[in-house]
Amino acid sequence: MSLKKIIYILLTILLVEMCGFIFHEIVSVEVLKVLVRNGMSVTYFHIAGFLYSPLPSYLFWGIATVGAFGGIFLALRWWTIVYIEHRHWKDWYGRR
């Protein structure tokens, strides 16, 4: 496997993980809004030594795991499309 492909896969995993963390935070904010609106107490869970979240830790780790495997799948699929099949954006817009 070439260094270019390894970097491509790692950067895609990083991108998907960041999107997963943003999704986690959006869901956390919505859960907090519902709890505060209903006058319920908020319990924070300690996750990975640096994060406190109103969502259980298994959701955080589940999103991280799905993000890692999804990033690998996405990177390998797009590697095939872009570098092996040579299908690019210009090919899709030029067709009618």
PDB file of N, CA and C in Angstrom:
ATOM      1  N   MET A   1       0.856  -1.165   0.000  1.00  0.00           N
ATOM      2  CA  MET A   1       0.000   0.000   0.000  1.00  0.00           C
ATOM      3  C   MET A   1       0.907   1.235   0.000  1.00  0.00           C
ATOM      4  N   SER A   2       0.583   2.190  -0.827  1.00  0.00           N
ATOM      5  CA  SER A   2       1.414   3.384  -0.962  1.00  0.00           C
ATOM      6  C   SER A   2       1.167   4.356   0.196  1.00  0.00           C
ATOM      7  N   LEU A   3       2.113   5.219   0.413  1.00  0.00           N
ATOM      8  CA  LEU A   3       1.998   6.232   1.460  1.00  0.00           C
ATOM      9  C   LEU A   3       0.828   7.171   1.164  1.00  0.00           C
ATOM     10  N   LYS A   4       0.604   7.471  -0.108  1.00  0.00           N
ATOM     11  CA  LYS A   4      -0.501   8.337  -0.510  1.00  0.00           C
ATOM     12  C   LYS A   4      -1.841   7.735  -0.094  1.00  0.00           C
ATOM     13  N   LYS A   5      -1.994   6.437  -0.292  1.00  0.00           N
ATOM     14  CA  LYS A   5      -3.247   5.765   0.061  1.00  0.00           C
ATOM     15  C   LYS A   5      -3.425   5.720   1.572  1.00  0.00           C
ATOM     16  N   ILE A   6      -2.346   5.488   2.315  1.00  0.00           N
ATOM     17  CA  ILE A   6      -2.432   5.442   3.774  1.00  0.00           C
ATOM     18  C   ILE A   6      -2.854   6.805   4.319  1.00  0.00           C
ATOM     19  N   ILE A   7      -2.250   7.874   3.811  1.00  0.00           N
ATOM     20  CA  ILE A   7      -2.614   9.223   4.254  1.00  0.00           C
ATOM     21  C   ILE A   7      -4.056   9.535   3.871  1.00  0.00           C
ATOM     22  N   TYR A   8      -4.474   9.126   2.692  1.00  0.00           N
ATOM     23  CA  TYR A   8      -5.852   9.328   2.233  1.00  0.00           C
ATOM     24  C   TYR A   8      -6.836   8.651   3.184  1.00  0.00           C
ATOM     25  N   ILE A   9      -6.552   7.421   3.573  1.00  0.00           N
ATOM     26  CA  ILE A   9      -7.426   6.679   4.480  1.00  0.00           C
ATOM     27  C   ILE A   9      -7.456   7.336   5.855  1.00  0.00           C
ATOM     28  N   LEU A  10      -6.296   7.714   6.377  1.00  0.00           N
ATOM     29  CA  LEU A  10      -6.248   8.334   7.700  1.00  0.00           C
ATOM     30  C   LEU A  10      -6.985   9.677   7.736  1.00  0.00           C
ATOM     31  N   LEU A  11      -6.833  10.479   6.692  1.00  0.00           N
ATOM     32  CA  LEU A  11      -7.524  11.761   6.657  1.00  0.00           C
ATOM     33  C   LEU A  11      -9.038  11.589   6.503  1.00  0.00           C
ATOM     34  N   THR A  12      -9.463  10.568   5.780  1.00  0.00           N
ATOM     35  CA  THR A  12     -10.895  10.305   5.657  1.00  0.00           C
ATOM     36  C   THR A  12     -11.473   9.833   6.980  1.00  0.00           C
ATOM     37  N   ILE A  13     -10.736   8.986   7.697  1.00  0.00           N
ATOM     38  CA  ILE A  13     -11.178   8.566   9.028  1.00  0.00           C
ATOM     39  C   ILE A  13     -11.297   9.779   9.939  1.00  0.00           C
ATOM     40  N   LEU A  14     -10.316  10.678   9.895  1.00  0.00           N
ATOM     41  CA  LEU A  14     -10.357  11.886  10.713  1.00  0.00           C
ATOM     42  C   LEU A  14     -11.572  12.741  10.370  1.00  0.00           C
ATOM     43  N   LEU A  15     -11.862  12.898   9.096  1.00  0.00           N
ATOM     44  CA  LEU A  15     -13.022  13.682   8.667  1.00  0.00           C
ATOM     45  C   LEU A  15     -14.323  13.077   9.187  1.00  0.00           C
ATOM     46  N   VAL A  16     -14.481  11.773   9.050  1.00  0.00           N
ATOM     47  CA  VAL A  16     -15.709  11.110   9.497  1.00  0.00           C
ATOM     48  C   VAL A  16     -15.821  11.175  11.015  1.00  0.00           C
ATOM     49  N   GLU A  17     -14.702  11.028  11.730  1.00  0.00           N
ATOM     50  CA  GLU A  17     -14.722  11.137  13.193  1.00  0.00           C
ATOM     51  C   GLU A  17     -15.142  12.537  13.631  1.00  0.00           C
ATOM     52  N   MET A  18     -14.632  13.560  12.967  1.00  0.00           N
ATOM     53  CA  MET A  18     -15.019  14.931  13.326  1.00  0.00           C
ATOM     54  C   MET A  18     -16.507  15.160  13.076  1.00  0.00           C
ATOM     55  N   CYS A  19     -17.018  14.633  11.993  1.00  0.00           N
ATOM     56  CA  CYS A  19     -18.459  14.738  11.728  1.00  0.00           C
ATOM     57  C   CYS A  19     -19.259  13.997  12.800  1.00  0.00           C
ATOM     58  N   GLY A  20     -18.758  12.857  13.249  1.00  0.00           N
ATOM     59  CA  GLY A  20     -19.417  12.105  14.313  1.00  0.00           C
ATOM     60  C   GLY A  20     -19.419  12.856  15.625  1.00  0.00           C
ATOM     61  N   PHE A  21     -18.313  13.529  15.950  1.00  0.00           N
ATOM     62  CA  PHE A  21     -18.268  14.312  17.182  1.00  0.00           C
ATOM     63  C   PHE A  21     -19.204  15.507  17.117  1.00  0.00           C
ATOM     64  N   ILE A  22     -19.307  16.133  15.961  1.00  0.00           N
ATOM     65  CA  ILE A  22     -20.261  17.235  15.797  1.00  0.00           C
ATOM     66  C   ILE A  22     -21.686  16.721  15.973  1.00  0.00           C
ATOM     67  N   PHE A  23     -21.996  15.559  15.397  1.00  0.00           N
ATOM     68  CA  PHE A  23     -23.312  14.947  15.568  1.00  0.00           C
ATOM     69  C   PHE A  23     -23.580  14.664  17.043  1.00  0.00           C
ATOM     70  N   HIS A  24     -22.585  14.139  17.767  1.00  0.00           N
ATOM     71  CA  HIS A  24     -22.717  13.841  19.192  1.00  0.00           C
ATOM     72  C   HIS A  24     -23.034  15.107  19.981  1.00  0.00           C
ATOM     73  N   GLU A  25     -22.361  16.193  19.667  1.00  0.00           N
ATOM     74  CA  GLU A  25     -22.593  17.438  20.391  1.00  0.00           C
ATOM     75  C   GLU A  25     -23.958  18.035  20.072  1.00  0.00           C
ATOM     76  N   ILE A  26     -24.400  17.928  18.833  1.00  0.00           N
ATOM     77  CA  ILE A  26     -25.738  18.431  18.478  1.00  0.00           C
ATOM     78  C   ILE A  26     -26.809  17.653  19.226  1.00  0.00           C
ATOM     79  N   VAL A  27     -26.658  16.334  19.294  1.00  0.00           N
ATOM     80  CA  VAL A  27     -27.620  15.515  20.029  1.00  0.00           C
ATOM     81  C   VAL A  27     -27.565  15.857  21.521  1.00  0.00           C
ATOM     82  N   SER A  28     -26.368  16.094  22.063  1.00  0.00           N
ATOM     83  CA  SER A  28     -26.229  16.456  23.476  1.00  0.00           C
ATOM     84  C   SER A  28     -26.960  17.761  23.786  1.00  0.00           C
ATOM     85  N   VAL A  29     -26.818  18.745  22.921  1.00  0.00           N
ATOM     86  CA  VAL A  29     -27.489  20.021  23.134  1.00  0.00           C
ATOM     87  C   VAL A  29     -29.000  19.841  23.095  1.00  0.00           C
ATOM     88  N   GLU A  30     -29.486  19.045  22.163  1.00  0.00           N
ATOM     89  CA  GLU A  30     -30.933  18.820  22.075  1.00  0.00           C
ATOM     90  C   GLU A  30     -31.458  18.075  23.306  1.00  0.00           C
ATOM     91  N   VAL A  31     -30.693  17.107  23.808  1.00  0.00           N
ATOM     92  CA  VAL A  31     -31.094  16.389  25.024  1.00  0.00           C
ATOM     93  C   VAL A  31     -31.136  17.353  26.201  1.00  0.00           C
ATOM     94  N   LEU A  32     -30.136  18.234  26.309  1.00  0.00           N
ATOM     95  CA  LEU A  32     -30.124  19.228  27.382  1.00  0.00           C
ATOM     96  C   LEU A  32     -31.325  20.156  27.292  1.00  0.00           C
ATOM     97  N   LYS A  33     -31.693  20.587  26.093  1.00  0.00           N
ATOM     98  CA  LYS A  33     -32.856  21.453  25.931  1.00  0.00           C
ATOM     99  C   LYS A  33     -34.127  20.777  26.426  1.00  0.00           C
ATOM    100  N   VAL A  34     -34.294  19.502  26.087  1.00  0.00           N
ATOM    101  CA  VAL A  34     -35.487  18.767  26.506  1.00  0.00           C
ATOM    102  C   VAL A  34     -35.507  18.588  28.022  1.00  0.00           C
ATOM    103  N   LEU A  35     -34.366  18.248  28.606  1.00  0.00           N
ATOM    104  CA  LEU A  35     -34.302  18.055  30.055  1.00  0.00           C
ATOM    105  C   LEU A  35     -34.585  19.348  30.806  1.00  0.00           C
ATOM    106  N   VAL A  36     -34.004  20.452  30.364  1.00  0.00           N
ATOM    107  CA  VAL A  36     -34.216  21.734  31.030  1.00  0.00           C
ATOM    108  C   VAL A  36     -35.656  22.194  30.857  1.00  0.00           C
ATOM    109  N   ARG A  37     -36.214  22.014  29.664  1.00  0.00           N
ATOM    110  CA  ARG A  37     -37.594  22.424  29.403  1.00  0.00           C
ATOM    111  C   ARG A  37     -38.573  21.679  30.308  1.00  0.00           C
ATOM    112  N   ASN A  38     -38.287  20.394  30.584  1.00  0.00           N
ATOM    113  CA  ASN A  38     -39.184  19.601  31.416  1.00  0.00           C
ATOM    114  C   ASN A  38     -38.839  19.678  32.898  1.00  0.00           C
ATOM    115  N   GLY A  39     -37.834  20.466  33.259  1.00  0.00           N
ATOM    116  CA  GLY A  39     -37.478  20.646  34.660  1.00  0.00           C
ATOM    117  C   GLY A  39     -36.799  19.439  35.283  1.00  0.00           C
ATOM    118  N   MET A  40     -36.193  18.596  34.481  1.00  0.00           N
ATOM    119  CA  MET A  40     -35.532  17.402  35.002  1.00  0.00           C
ATOM    120  C   MET A  40     -34.068  17.713  35.297  1.00  0.00           C
ATOM    121  N   SER A  41     -33.474  16.911  36.174  1.00  0.00           N
ATOM    122  CA  SER A  41     -32.067  17.127  36.500  1.00  0.00           C
ATOM    123  C   SER A  41     -31.186  16.526  35.399  1.00  0.00           C
ATOM    124  N   VAL A  42     -30.031  17.139  35.218  1.00  0.00           N
ATOM    125  CA  VAL A  42     -29.102  16.708  34.185  1.00  0.00           C
ATOM    126  C   VAL A  42     -27.960  15.949  34.855  1.00  0.00           C
ATOM    127  N   THR A  43     -27.723  14.728  34.389  1.00  0.00           N
ATOM    128  CA  THR A  43     -26.614  13.926  34.884  1.00  0.00           C
ATOM    129  C   THR A  43     -25.560  13.858  33.793  1.00  0.00           C
ATOM    130  N   TYR A  44     -24.340  14.227  34.153  1.00  0.00           N
ATOM    131  CA  TYR A  44     -23.244  14.201  33.190  1.00  0.00           C
ATOM    132  C   TYR A  44     -22.419  12.933  33.391  1.00  0.00           C
ATOM    133  N   PHE A  45     -22.038  12.313  32.292  1.00  0.00           N
ATOM    134  CA  PHE A  45     -21.188  11.131  32.308  1.00  0.00           C
ATOM    135  C   PHE A  45     -19.771  11.537  31.930  1.00  0.00           C
ATOM    136  N   HIS A  46     -18.806  10.984  32.632  1.00  0.00           N
ATOM    137  CA  HIS A  46     -17.382  11.257  32.371  1.00  0.00           C
ATOM    138  C   HIS A  46     -16.906  10.276  31.300  1.00  0.00           C
ATOM    139  N   ILE A  47     -16.413  10.810  30.176  1.00  0.00           N
ATOM    140  CA  ILE A  47     -16.027   9.973  29.049  1.00  0.00           C
ATOM    141  C   ILE A  47     -14.568  10.217  28.712  1.00  0.00           C
ATOM    142  N   ALA A  48     -13.784   9.171  28.686  1.00  0.00           N
ATOM    143  CA  ALA A  48     -12.402   9.177  28.198  1.00  0.00           C
ATOM    144  C   ALA A  48     -11.490  10.154  28.937  1.00  0.00           C
ATOM    145  N   GLY A  49     -11.842  10.529  30.140  1.00  0.00           N
ATOM    146  CA  GLY A  49     -10.985  11.365  30.940  1.00  0.00           C
ATOM    147  C   GLY A  49     -10.960  12.837  30.591  1.00  0.00           C
ATOM    148  N   PHE A  50     -11.658  13.247  29.537  1.00  0.00           N
ATOM    149  CA  PHE A  50     -11.601  14.657  29.142  1.00  0.00           C
ATOM    150  C   PHE A  50     -12.937  15.230  28.719  1.00  0.00           C
ATOM    151  N   LEU A  51     -13.994  14.444  28.730  1.00  0.00           N
ATOM    152  CA  LEU A  51     -15.264  14.906  28.182  1.00  0.00           C
ATOM    153  C   LEU A  51     -16.389  14.567  29.151  1.00  0.00           C
ATOM    154  N   TYR A  52     -17.254  15.537  29.375  1.00  0.00           N
ATOM    155  CA  TYR A  52     -18.466  15.319  30.153  1.00  0.00           C
ATOM    156  C   TYR A  52     -19.642  15.477  29.209  1.00  0.00           C
ATOM    157  N   SER A  53     -20.560  14.528  29.270  1.00  0.00           N
ATOM    158  CA  SER A  53     -21.673  14.549  28.339  1.00  0.00           C
ATOM    159  C   SER A  53     -22.942  14.076  29.034  1.00  0.00           C
ATOM    160  N   PRO A  54     -24.104  14.636  28.655  1.00  0.00           N
ATOM    161  CA  PRO A  54     -25.357  14.137  29.218  1.00  0.00           C
ATOM    162  C   PRO A  54     -25.784  12.806  28.599  1.00  0.00           C
ATOM    163  N   LEU A  55     -25.109  12.386  27.549  1.00  0.00           N
ATOM    164  CA  LEU A  55     -25.405  11.107  26.919  1.00  0.00           C
ATOM    165  C   LEU A  55     -24.517  10.022  27.515  1.00  0.00           C
ATOM    166  N   PRO A  56     -24.997   8.790  27.563  1.00  0.00           N
ATOM    167  CA  PRO A  56     -24.174   7.696  28.096  1.00  0.00           C
ATOM    168  C   PRO A  56     -22.899   7.490  27.272  1.00  0.00           C
ATOM    169  N   SER A  57     -21.876   6.958  27.915  1.00  0.00           N
ATOM    170  CA  SER A  57     -20.575   6.814  27.248  1.00  0.00           C
ATOM    171  C   SER A  57     -20.617   5.805  26.100  1.00  0.00           C
ATOM    172  N   TYR A  58     -21.524   4.822  26.169  1.00  0.00           N
ATOM    173  CA  TYR A  58     -21.571   3.841  25.081  1.00  0.00           C
ATOM    174  C   TYR A  58     -21.997   4.490  23.764  1.00  0.00           C
ATOM    175  N   LEU A  59     -22.765   5.570  23.811  1.00  0.00           N
ATOM    176  CA  LEU A  59     -23.118   6.276  22.577  1.00  0.00           C
ATOM    177  C   LEU A  59     -21.898   6.974  21.991  1.00  0.00           C
ATOM    178  N   PHE A  60     -21.080   7.584  22.859  1.00  0.00           N
ATOM    179  CA  PHE A  60     -19.855   8.235  22.396  1.00  0.00           C
ATOM    180  C   PHE A  60     -18.944   7.214  21.729  1.00  0.00           C
ATOM    181  N   TRP A  61     -18.697   6.095  22.390  1.00  0.00           N
ATOM    182  CA  TRP A  61     -17.794   5.082  21.842  1.00  0.00           C
ATOM    183  C   TRP A  61     -18.402   4.394  20.623  1.00  0.00           C
ATOM    184  N   GLY A  62     -19.724   4.264  20.601  1.00  0.00           N
ATOM    185  CA  GLY A  62     -20.382   3.695  19.421  1.00  0.00           C
ATOM    186  C   GLY A  62     -20.220   4.583  18.201  1.00  0.00           C
ATOM    187  N   ILE A  63     -20.401   5.899  18.401  1.00  0.00           N
ATOM    188  CA  ILE A  63     -20.216   6.837  17.292  1.00  0.00           C
ATOM    189  C   ILE A  63     -18.766   6.829  16.829  1.00  0.00           C
ATOM    190  N   ALA A  64     -17.820   6.748  17.774  1.00  0.00           N
ATOM    191  CA  ALA A  64     -16.395   6.720  17.407  1.00  0.00           C
ATOM    192  C   ALA A  64     -16.057   5.456  16.620  1.00  0.00           C
ATOM    193  N   THR A  65     -16.605   4.320  17.030  1.00  0.00           N
ATOM    194  CA  THR A  65     -16.337   3.056  16.332  1.00  0.00           C
ATOM    195  C   THR A  65     -16.952   3.054  14.939  1.00  0.00           C
ATOM    196  N   VAL A  66     -18.202   3.474  14.851  1.00  0.00           N
ATOM    197  CA  VAL A  66     -18.863   3.534  13.550  1.00  0.00           C
ATOM    198  C   VAL A  66     -18.142   4.530  12.644  1.00  0.00           C
ATOM    199  N   GLY A  67     -17.664   5.632  13.207  1.00  0.00           N
ATOM    200  CA  GLY A  67     -16.922   6.614  12.415  1.00  0.00           C
ATOM    201  C   GLY A  67     -15.625   6.049  11.869  1.00  0.00           C
ATOM    202  N   ALA A  68     -14.919   5.266  12.677  1.00  0.00           N
ATOM    203  CA  ALA A  68     -13.648   4.690  12.214  1.00  0.00           C
ATOM    204  C   ALA A  68     -13.883   3.691  11.082  1.00  0.00           C
ATOM    205  N   PHE A  69     -14.821   2.773  11.279  1.00  0.00           N
ATOM    206  CA  PHE A  69     -15.085   1.790  10.233  1.00  0.00           C
ATOM    207  C   PHE A  69     -15.729   2.433   9.008  1.00  0.00           C
ATOM    208  N   GLY A  70     -16.607   3.404   9.238  1.00  0.00           N
ATOM    209  CA  GLY A  70     -17.207   4.127   8.114  1.00  0.00           C
ATOM    210  C   GLY A  70     -16.179   4.922   7.340  1.00  0.00           C
ATOM    211  N   GLY A  71     -15.205   5.498   8.043  1.00  0.00           N
ATOM    212  CA  GLY A  71     -14.133   6.241   7.379  1.00  0.00           C
ATOM    213  C   GLY A  71     -13.278   5.340   6.507  1.00  0.00           C
ATOM    214  N   ILE A  72     -12.983   4.152   7.007  1.00  0.00           N
ATOM    215  CA  ILE A  72     -12.204   3.192   6.217  1.00  0.00           C
ATOM    216  C   ILE A  72     -12.974   2.796   4.963  1.00  0.00           C
ATOM    217  N   PHE A  73     -14.249   2.456   5.135  1.00  0.00           N
ATOM    218  CA  PHE A  73     -15.079   2.066   3.994  1.00  0.00           C
ATOM    219  C   PHE A  73     -15.184   3.195   2.974  1.00  0.00           C
ATOM    220  N   LEU A  74     -15.448   4.414   3.477  1.00  0.00           N
ATOM    221  CA  LEU A  74     -15.585   5.561   2.582  1.00  0.00           C
ATOM    222  C   LEU A  74     -14.285   5.846   1.837  1.00  0.00           C
ATOM    223  N   ALA A  75     -13.156   5.777   2.541  1.00  0.00           N
ATOM    224  CA  ALA A  75     -11.865   6.047   1.905  1.00  0.00           C
ATOM    225  C   ALA A  75     -11.550   5.030   0.824  1.00  0.00           C
ATOM    226  N   LEU A  76     -11.777   3.760   1.114  1.00  0.00           N
ATOM    227  CA  LEU A  76     -11.486   2.731   0.118  1.00  0.00           C
ATOM    228  C   LEU A  76     -12.408   2.853  -1.094  1.00  0.00           C
ATOM    229  N   ARG A  77     -13.662   3.191  -0.852  1.00  0.00           N
ATOM    230  CA  ARG A  77     -14.612   3.346  -1.966  1.00  0.00           C
ATOM    231  C   ARG A  77     -14.226   4.529  -2.850  1.00  0.00           C
ATOM    232  N   TRP A  78     -13.923   5.681  -2.229  1.00  0.00           N
ATOM    233  CA  TRP A  78     -13.570   6.851  -3.013  1.00  0.00           C
ATOM    234  C   TRP A  78     -12.201   6.711  -3.645  1.00  0.00           C
ATOM    235  N   TRP A  79     -11.303   5.971  -3.025  1.00  0.00           N
ATOM    236  CA  TRP A  79     -10.007   5.703  -3.650  1.00  0.00           C
ATOM    237  C   TRP A  79     -10.223   4.957  -4.971  1.00  0.00           C
ATOM    238  N   THR A  80     -11.120   3.982  -4.936  1.00  0.00           N
ATOM    239  CA  THR A  80     -11.428   3.220  -6.145  1.00  0.00           C
ATOM    240  C   THR A  80     -12.036   4.114  -7.221  1.00  0.00           C
ATOM    241  N   ILE A  81     -12.977   4.959  -6.833  1.00  0.00           N
ATOM    242  CA  ILE A  81     -13.643   5.828  -7.805  1.00  0.00           C
ATOM    243  C   ILE A  81     -12.672   6.827  -8.418  1.00  0.00           C
ATOM    244  N   VAL A  82     -11.863   7.483  -7.579  1.00  0.00           N
ATOM    245  CA  VAL A  82     -11.031   8.580  -8.062  1.00  0.00           C
ATOM    246  C   VAL A  82      -9.746   8.093  -8.715  1.00  0.00           C
ATOM    247  N   TYR A  83      -9.051   7.143  -8.073  1.00  0.00           N
ATOM    248  CA  TYR A  83      -7.712   6.796  -8.549  1.00  0.00           C
ATOM    249  C   TYR A  83      -7.653   5.536  -9.409  1.00  0.00           C
ATOM    250  N   ILE A  84      -8.653   4.683  -9.343  1.00  0.00           N
ATOM    251  CA  ILE A  84      -8.630   3.465 -10.151  1.00  0.00           C
ATOM    252  C   ILE A  84      -9.564   3.600 -11.356  1.00  0.00           C
ATOM    253  N   GLU A  85     -10.814   4.014 -11.109  1.00  0.00           N
ATOM    254  CA  GLU A  85     -11.769   4.155 -12.204  1.00  0.00           C
ATOM    255  C   GLU A  85     -11.651   5.503 -12.912  1.00  0.00           C
ATOM    256  N   HIS A  86     -10.965   6.449 -12.330  1.00  0.00           N
ATOM    257  CA  HIS A  86     -10.747   7.792 -12.888  1.00  0.00           C
ATOM    258  C   HIS A  86     -12.050   8.513 -13.203  1.00  0.00           C
ATOM    259  N   ARG A  87     -13.022   8.357 -12.323  1.00  0.00           N
ATOM    260  CA  ARG A  87     -14.261   9.114 -12.448  1.00  0.00           C
ATOM    261  C   ARG A  87     -14.128  10.346 -11.572  1.00  0.00           C
ATOM    262  N   HIS A  88     -14.294  11.527 -12.157  1.00  0.00           N
ATOM    263  CA  HIS A  88     -14.137  12.774 -11.419  1.00  0.00           C
ATOM    264  C   HIS A  88     -15.384  13.617 -11.591  1.00  0.00           C
ATOM    265  N   TRP A  89     -15.418  14.742 -10.875  1.00  0.00           N
ATOM    266  CA  TRP A  89     -16.587  15.613 -10.924  1.00  0.00           C
ATOM    267  C   TRP A  89     -16.850  16.136 -12.334  1.00  0.00           C
ATOM    268  N   LYS A  90     -15.807  16.428 -13.083  1.00  0.00           N
ATOM    269  CA  LYS A  90     -16.010  16.986 -14.420  1.00  0.00           C
ATOM    270  C   LYS A  90     -16.742  15.985 -15.333  1.00  0.00           C
ATOM    271  N   ASP A  91     -16.554  14.694 -15.090  1.00  0.00           N
ATOM    272  CA  ASP A  91     -17.248  13.685 -15.896  1.00  0.00           C
ATOM    273  C   ASP A  91     -18.745  13.691 -15.595  1.00  0.00           C
ATOM    274  N   TRP A  92     -19.140  13.954 -14.349  1.00  0.00           N
ATOM    275  CA  TRP A  92     -20.549  13.907 -13.993  1.00  0.00           C
ATOM    276  C   TRP A  92     -21.301  15.132 -14.473  1.00  0.00           C
ATOM    277  N   TYR A  93     -20.666  16.300 -14.471  1.00  0.00           N
ATOM    278  CA  TYR A  93     -21.355  17.509 -14.884  1.00  0.00           C
ATOM    279  C   TYR A  93     -21.447  17.635 -16.391  1.00  0.00           C
ATOM    280  N   GLY A  94     -20.565  17.016 -17.144  1.00  0.00           N
ATOM    281  CA  GLY A  94     -20.557  17.143 -18.590  1.00  0.00           C
ATOM    282  C   GLY A  94     -21.594  16.291 -19.288  1.00  0.00           C
ATOM    283  N   ARG A  95     -22.125  15.285 -18.605  1.00  0.00           N
ATOM    284  CA  ARG A  95     -23.100  14.371 -19.232  1.00  0.00           C
ATOM    285  C   ARG A  95     -24.500  14.954 -19.190  1.00  0.00           C
ATOM    286  N   ARG A  96     -25.275  14.613 -20.219  1.00  0.00           N
ATOM    287  CA  ARG A  96     -26.674  15.074 -20.256  1.00  0.00           C
ATOM    288  C   ARG A  96     -27.588  13.916 -20.494  1.00  0.00           C
TER     289      ARG A  96
END
